[in-house]
PDB file of N, CA and C in Angstrom:
ATOM      1  N   MET A   1     -30.847 -58.209  51.668  1.00  0.00           N
ATOM      2  CA  MET A   1     -31.291 -57.841  50.349  1.00  0.00           C
ATOM      3  C   MET A   1     -31.599 -56.341  50.354  1.00  0.00           C
ATOM      4  N   LYS A   2     -30.989 -55.625  49.427  1.00  0.00           N
ATOM      5  CA  LYS A   2     -31.160 -54.187  49.373  1.00  0.00           C
ATOM      6  C   LYS A   2     -32.228 -53.811  48.358  1.00  0.00           C
ATOM      7  N   ALA A   3     -32.897 -52.702  48.618  1.00  0.00           N
ATOM      8  CA  ALA A   3     -33.946 -52.231  47.713  1.00  0.00           C
ATOM      9  C   ALA A   3     -33.371 -51.882  46.350  1.00  0.00           C
ATOM     10  N   SER A   4     -32.151 -51.366  46.330  1.00  0.00           N
ATOM     11  CA  SER A   4     -31.539 -51.021  45.042  1.00  0.00           C
ATOM     12  C   SER A   4     -31.322 -52.265  44.180  1.00  0.00           C
ATOM     13  N   GLU A   5     -30.996 -53.380  44.806  1.00  0.00           N
ATOM     14  CA  GLU A   5     -30.848 -54.644  44.073  1.00  0.00           C
ATOM     15  C   GLU A   5     -32.201 -55.112  43.550  1.00  0.00           C
ATOM     16  N   LEU A   6     -33.235 -54.934  44.355  1.00  0.00           N
ATOM     17  CA  LEU A   6     -34.572 -55.380  43.968  1.00  0.00           C
ATOM     18  C   LEU A   6     -35.129 -54.561  42.812  1.00  0.00           C
ATOM     19  N   ARG A   7     -34.766 -53.282  42.762  1.00  0.00           N
ATOM     20  CA  ARG A   7     -35.276 -52.422  41.695  1.00  0.00           C
ATOM     21  C   ARG A   7     -34.747 -52.836  40.320  1.00  0.00           C
ATOM     22  N   GLN A   8     -33.652 -53.562  40.288  1.00  0.00           N
ATOM     23  CA  GLN A   8     -33.065 -54.006  39.025  1.00  0.00           C
ATOM     24  C   GLN A   8     -33.758 -55.245  38.464  1.00  0.00           C
ATOM     25  N   LYS A   9     -34.574 -55.896  39.271  1.00  0.00           N
ATOM     26  CA  LYS A   9     -35.212 -57.152  38.871  1.00  0.00           C
ATOM     27  C   LYS A   9     -36.599 -56.898  38.280  1.00  0.00           C
ATOM     28  N   PRO A  10     -37.020 -57.748  37.348  1.00  0.00           N
ATOM     29  CA  PRO A  10     -38.375 -57.606  36.784  1.00  0.00           C
ATOM     30  C   PRO A  10     -39.441 -58.024  37.799  1.00  0.00           C
ATOM     31  N   ALA A  11     -40.672 -57.573  37.558  1.00  0.00           N
ATOM     32  CA  ALA A  11     -41.777 -57.809  38.490  1.00  0.00           C
ATOM     33  C   ALA A  11     -42.042 -59.298  38.690  1.00  0.00           C
ATOM     34  N   GLU A  12     -41.934 -60.102  37.633  1.00  0.00           N
ATOM     35  CA  GLU A  12     -42.203 -61.540  37.751  1.00  0.00           C
ATOM     36  C   GLU A  12     -41.227 -62.199  38.723  1.00  0.00           C
ATOM     37  N   GLU A  13     -39.973 -61.794  38.624  1.00  0.00           N
ATOM     38  CA  GLU A  13     -38.955 -62.357  39.521  1.00  0.00           C
ATOM     39  C   GLU A  13     -39.197 -61.922  40.964  1.00  0.00           C
ATOM     40  N   LEU A  14     -39.639 -60.686  41.148  1.00  0.00           N
ATOM     41  CA  LEU A  14     -39.941 -60.191  42.495  1.00  0.00           C
ATOM     42  C   LEU A  14     -41.112 -60.946  43.106  1.00  0.00           C
ATOM     43  N   ARG A  15     -42.133 -61.211  42.303  1.00  0.00           N
ATOM     44  CA  ARG A  15     -43.284 -61.965  42.822  1.00  0.00           C
ATOM     45  C   ARG A  15     -42.883 -63.381  43.223  1.00  0.00           C
ATOM     46  N   ALA A  16     -42.012 -63.996  42.414  1.00  0.00           N
ATOM     47  CA  ALA A  16     -41.541 -65.345  42.740  1.00  0.00           C
ATOM     48  C   ALA A  16     -40.721 -65.328  44.029  1.00  0.00           C
ATOM     49  N   LEU A  17     -39.887 -64.311  44.191  1.00  0.00           N
ATOM     50  CA  LEU A  17     -39.077 -64.188  45.396  1.00  0.00           C
ATOM     51  C   LEU A  17     -39.962 -63.955  46.623  1.00  0.00           C
ATOM     52  N   GLU A  18     -41.001 -63.139  46.458  1.00  0.00           N
ATOM     53  CA  GLU A  18     -41.942 -62.888  47.552  1.00  0.00           C
ATOM     54  C   GLU A  18     -42.632 -64.189  47.965  1.00  0.00           C
ATOM     55  N   LYS A  19     -43.060 -64.955  46.986  1.00  0.00           N
ATOM     56  CA  LYS A  19     -43.733 -66.225  47.264  1.00  0.00           C
ATOM     57  C   LYS A  19     -42.801 -67.182  48.016  1.00  0.00           C
ATOM     58  N   GLU A  20     -41.537 -67.213  47.603  1.00  0.00           N
ATOM     59  CA  GLU A  20     -40.547 -68.074  48.260  1.00  0.00           C
ATOM     60  C   GLU A  20     -40.327 -67.642  49.713  1.00  0.00           C
ATOM     61  N   LEU A  21     -40.248 -66.334  49.945  1.00  0.00           N
ATOM     62  CA  LEU A  21     -40.057 -65.832  51.307  1.00  0.00           C
ATOM     63  C   LEU A  21     -41.272 -66.107  52.189  1.00  0.00           C
ATOM     64  N   LEU A  22     -42.464 -65.976  51.621  1.00  0.00           N
ATOM     65  CA  LEU A  22     -43.670 -66.284  52.391  1.00  0.00           C
ATOM     66  C   LEU A  22     -43.704 -67.759  52.777  1.00  0.00           C
ATOM     67  N   ARG A  23     -43.254 -68.622  51.885  1.00  0.00           N
ATOM     68  CA  ARG A  23     -43.195 -70.059  52.179  1.00  0.00           C
ATOM     69  C   ARG A  23     -42.178 -70.329  53.293  1.00  0.00           C
ATOM     70  N   GLU A  24     -41.020 -69.642  53.216  1.00  0.00           N
ATOM     71  CA  GLU A  24     -39.993 -69.825  54.249  1.00  0.00           C
ATOM     72  C   GLU A  24     -40.505 -69.325  55.604  1.00  0.00           C
ATOM     73  N   GLN A  25     -41.233 -68.207  55.594  1.00  0.00           N
ATOM     74  CA  GLN A  25     -41.802 -67.668  56.823  1.00  0.00           C
ATOM     75  C   GLN A  25     -42.793 -68.660  57.436  1.00  0.00           C
ATOM     76  N   PHE A  26     -43.623 -69.244  56.603  1.00  0.00           N
ATOM     77  CA  PHE A  26     -44.587 -70.246  57.073  1.00  0.00           C
ATOM     78  C   PHE A  26     -43.859 -71.442  57.687  1.00  0.00           C
ATOM     79  N   ASN A  27     -42.833 -71.929  57.004  1.00  0.00           N
ATOM     80  CA  ASN A  27     -42.081 -73.081  57.512  1.00  0.00           C
ATOM     81  C   ASN A  27     -41.424 -72.771  58.853  1.00  0.00           C
ATOM     82  N   LEU A  28     -40.901 -71.559  59.018  1.00  0.00           N
ATOM     83  CA  LEU A  28     -40.308 -71.182  60.299  1.00  0.00           C
ATOM     84  C   LEU A  28     -41.357 -71.150  61.410  1.00  0.00           C
ATOM     85  N   ARG A  29     -42.553 -70.639  61.085  1.00  0.00           N
ATOM     86  CA  ARG A  29     -43.630 -70.630  62.087  1.00  0.00           C
ATOM     87  C   ARG A  29     -44.008 -72.040  62.492  1.00  0.00           C
ATOM     88  N   MET A  30     -44.051 -72.952  61.538  1.00  0.00           N
ATOM     89  CA  MET A  30     -44.395 -74.342  61.845  1.00  0.00           C
ATOM     90  C   MET A  30     -43.316 -74.988  62.713  1.00  0.00           C
ATOM     91  N   GLN A  31     -42.065 -74.689  62.426  1.00  0.00           N
ATOM     92  CA  GLN A  31     -40.977 -75.231  63.240  1.00  0.00           C
ATOM     93  C   GLN A  31     -41.055 -74.710  64.673  1.00  0.00           C
ATOM     94  N   MET A  32     -41.343 -73.423  64.812  1.00  0.00           N
ATOM     95  CA  MET A  32     -41.449 -72.853  66.152  1.00  0.00           C
ATOM     96  C   MET A  32     -42.645 -73.458  66.893  1.00  0.00           C
ATOM     97  N   GLY A  33     -43.732 -73.683  66.194  1.00  0.00           N
ATOM     98  CA  GLY A  33     -44.918 -74.261  66.809  1.00  0.00           C
ATOM     99  C   GLY A  33     -44.706 -75.683  67.276  1.00  0.00           C
ATOM    100  N   SER A  34     -43.842 -76.405  66.572  1.00  0.00           N
ATOM    101  CA  SER A  34     -43.591 -77.791  66.953  1.00  0.00           C
ATOM    102  C   SER A  34     -42.445 -77.903  67.956  1.00  0.00           C
ATOM    103  N   GLY A  35     -41.889 -76.760  68.357  1.00  0.00           N
ATOM    104  CA  GLY A  35     -40.856 -76.763  69.390  1.00  0.00           C
ATOM    105  C   GLY A  35     -39.449 -77.000  68.891  1.00  0.00           C
ATOM    106  N   GLN A  36     -39.219 -76.895  67.596  1.00  0.00           N
ATOM    107  CA  GLN A  36     -37.881 -77.117  67.068  1.00  0.00           C
ATOM    108  C   GLN A  36     -36.995 -75.898  67.219  1.00  0.00           C
ATOM    109  N   GLY A  37     -37.602 -74.717  67.400  1.00  0.00           N
ATOM    110  CA  GLY A  37     -36.825 -73.501  67.625  1.00  0.00           C
ATOM    111  C   GLY A  37     -35.867 -73.208  66.499  1.00  0.00           C
ATOM    112  N   GLY A  38     -34.750 -72.595  66.831  1.00  0.00           N
ATOM    113  CA  GLY A  38     -33.741 -72.372  65.812  1.00  0.00           C
ATOM    114  C   GLY A  38     -33.594 -70.924  65.403  1.00  0.00           C
ATOM    115  N   LYS A  39     -33.774 -70.656  64.138  1.00  0.00           N
ATOM    116  CA  LYS A  39     -33.427 -69.376  63.533  1.00  0.00           C
ATOM    117  C   LYS A  39     -34.489 -68.297  63.768  1.00  0.00           C
ATOM    118  N   THR A  40     -34.592 -67.831  64.987  1.00  0.00           N
ATOM    119  CA  THR A  40     -35.605 -66.821  65.283  1.00  0.00           C
ATOM    120  C   THR A  40     -35.259 -65.482  64.642  1.00  0.00           C
ATOM    121  N   HIS A  41     -33.980 -65.204  64.403  1.00  0.00           N
ATOM    122  CA  HIS A  41     -33.585 -63.945  63.782  1.00  0.00           C
ATOM    123  C   HIS A  41     -34.073 -63.845  62.337  1.00  0.00           C
ATOM    124  N   ARG A  42     -34.360 -64.969  61.698  1.00  0.00           N
ATOM    125  CA  ARG A  42     -34.816 -64.971  60.308  1.00  0.00           C
ATOM    126  C   ARG A  42     -36.220 -64.384  60.164  1.00  0.00           C
ATOM    127  N   PHE A  43     -37.045 -64.443  61.229  1.00  0.00           N
ATOM    128  CA  PHE A  43     -38.393 -63.870  61.161  1.00  0.00           C
ATOM    129  C   PHE A  43     -38.323 -62.390  60.778  1.00  0.00           C
ATOM    130  N   ARG A  44     -37.472 -61.671  61.468  1.00  0.00           N
ATOM    131  CA  ARG A  44     -37.335 -60.234  61.230  1.00  0.00           C
ATOM    132  C   ARG A  44     -36.794 -59.966  59.825  1.00  0.00           C
ATOM    133  N   GLU A  45     -35.766 -60.708  59.425  1.00  0.00           N
ATOM    134  CA  GLU A  45     -35.173 -60.525  58.108  1.00  0.00           C
ATOM    135  C   GLU A  45     -36.179 -60.796  57.000  1.00  0.00           C
ATOM    136  N   ILE A  46     -36.911 -61.881  57.131  1.00  0.00           N
ATOM    137  CA  ILE A  46     -37.890 -62.256  56.110  1.00  0.00           C
ATOM    138  C   ILE A  46     -39.002 -61.226  56.032  1.00  0.00           C
ATOM    139  N   ARG A  47     -39.509 -60.810  57.175  1.00  0.00           N
ATOM    140  CA  ARG A  47     -40.592 -59.830  57.198  1.00  0.00           C
ATOM    141  C   ARG A  47     -40.175 -58.535  56.515  1.00  0.00           C
ATOM    142  N   ARG A  48     -38.961 -58.087  56.770  1.00  0.00           N
ATOM    143  CA  ARG A  48     -38.470 -56.852  56.165  1.00  0.00           C
ATOM    144  C   ARG A  48     -38.199 -57.018  54.669  1.00  0.00           C
ATOM    145  N   ASP A  49     -37.684 -58.183  54.281  1.00  0.00           N
ATOM    146  CA  ASP A  49     -37.459 -58.438  52.855  1.00  0.00           C
ATOM    147  C   ASP A  49     -38.778 -58.447  52.088  1.00  0.00           C
ATOM    148  N   ILE A  50     -39.801 -59.048  52.659  1.00  0.00           N
ATOM    149  CA  ILE A  50     -41.120 -59.072  52.017  1.00  0.00           C
ATOM    150  C   ILE A  50     -41.640 -57.642  51.874  1.00  0.00           C
ATOM    151  N   ALA A  51     -41.468 -56.830  52.893  1.00  0.00           N
ATOM    152  CA  ALA A  51     -41.920 -55.440  52.829  1.00  0.00           C
ATOM    153  C   ALA A  51     -41.166 -54.672  51.747  1.00  0.00           C
ATOM    154  N   ARG A  52     -39.859 -54.907  51.626  1.00  0.00           N
ATOM    155  CA  ARG A  52     -39.073 -54.240  50.583  1.00  0.00           C
ATOM    156  C   ARG A  52     -39.557 -54.637  49.196  1.00  0.00           C
ATOM    157  N   ILE A  53     -39.804 -55.926  49.014  1.00  0.00           N
ATOM    158  CA  ILE A  53     -40.275 -56.411  47.713  1.00  0.00           C
ATOM    159  C   ILE A  53     -41.613 -55.783  47.369  1.00  0.00           C
ATOM    160  N   ARG A  54     -42.519 -55.739  48.329  1.00  0.00           N
ATOM    161  CA  ARG A  54     -43.841 -55.160  48.073  1.00  0.00           C
ATOM    162  C   ARG A  54     -43.744 -53.666  47.778  1.00  0.00           C
ATOM    163  N   THR A  55     -42.832 -52.985  48.430  1.00  0.00           N
ATOM    164  CA  THR A  55     -42.624 -51.565  48.168  1.00  0.00           C
ATOM    165  C   THR A  55     -42.128 -51.343  46.741  1.00  0.00           C
ATOM    166  N   VAL A  56     -41.153 -52.134  46.318  1.00  0.00           N
ATOM    167  CA  VAL A  56     -40.610 -52.004  44.965  1.00  0.00           C
ATOM    168  C   VAL A  56     -41.678 -52.344  43.932  1.00  0.00           C
ATOM    169  N   LEU A  57     -42.463 -53.376  44.192  1.00  0.00           N
ATOM    170  CA  LEU A  57     -43.542 -53.735  43.259  1.00  0.00           C
ATOM    171  C   LEU A  57     -44.551 -52.594  43.127  1.00  0.00           C
ATOM    172  N   ASN A  58     -44.896 -51.959  44.242  1.00  0.00           N
ATOM    173  CA  ASN A  58     -45.819 -50.825  44.200  1.00  0.00           C
ATOM    174  C   ASN A  58     -45.210 -49.643  43.440  1.00  0.00           C
ATOM    175  N   GLU A  59     -43.919 -49.404  43.626  1.00  0.00           N
ATOM    176  CA  GLU A  59     -43.242 -48.336  42.891  1.00  0.00           C
ATOM    177  C   GLU A  59     -43.290 -48.614  41.393  1.00  0.00           C
ATOM    178  N   GLN A  60     -43.019 -49.853  41.017  1.00  0.00           N
ATOM    179  CA  GLN A  60     -43.038 -50.215  39.598  1.00  0.00           C
ATOM    180  C   GLN A  60     -44.447 -50.091  39.034  1.00  0.00           C
ATOM    181  N   ARG A  61     -45.434 -50.492  39.797  1.00  0.00           N
ATOM    182  CA  ARG A  61     -46.818 -50.412  39.358  1.00  0.00           C
ATOM    183  C   ARG A  61     -47.250 -48.970  39.120  1.00  0.00           C
ATOM    184  N   ARG A  62     -46.767 -48.079  39.968  1.00  0.00           N
ATOM    185  CA  ARG A  62     -47.121 -46.660  39.837  1.00  0.00           C
ATOM    186  C   ARG A  62     -46.281 -45.948  38.789  1.00  0.00           C
ATOM    187  N   GLY A  63     -45.221 -46.583  38.337  1.00  0.00           N
ATOM    188  CA  GLY A  63     -44.361 -45.975  37.340  1.00  0.00           C
ATOM    189  C   GLY A  63     -43.245 -45.124  37.907  1.00  0.00           C
ATOM    190  N   GLU A  64     -42.972 -45.287  39.179  1.00  0.00           N
ATOM    191  CA  GLU A  64     -41.914 -44.504  39.816  1.00  0.00           C
ATOM    192  C   GLU A  64     -40.547 -45.149  39.659  1.00  0.00           C
ATOM    193  N   GLY A  65     -40.530 -46.453  39.345  1.00  0.00           N
ATOM    194  CA  GLY A  65     -39.260 -47.170  39.327  1.00  0.00           C
ATOM    195  C   GLY A  65     -38.745 -47.397  38.025  1.00  0.00           C
TER     196      GLY A  65
END
């Protein structure tokens, strides 16, 4: 997910996407804790996507976007 794509979306949609990613991150942690393993590369992707979304939301809040 690119920041330029995120800047085109309204704040409500970004918040919903952030919430969905946080839920996916939680589910991955639970899977790892129970020993199911699997998609460890998704941790990094999700963490970075959440950071991008929060950055864009802050830009929009400040009026830069």
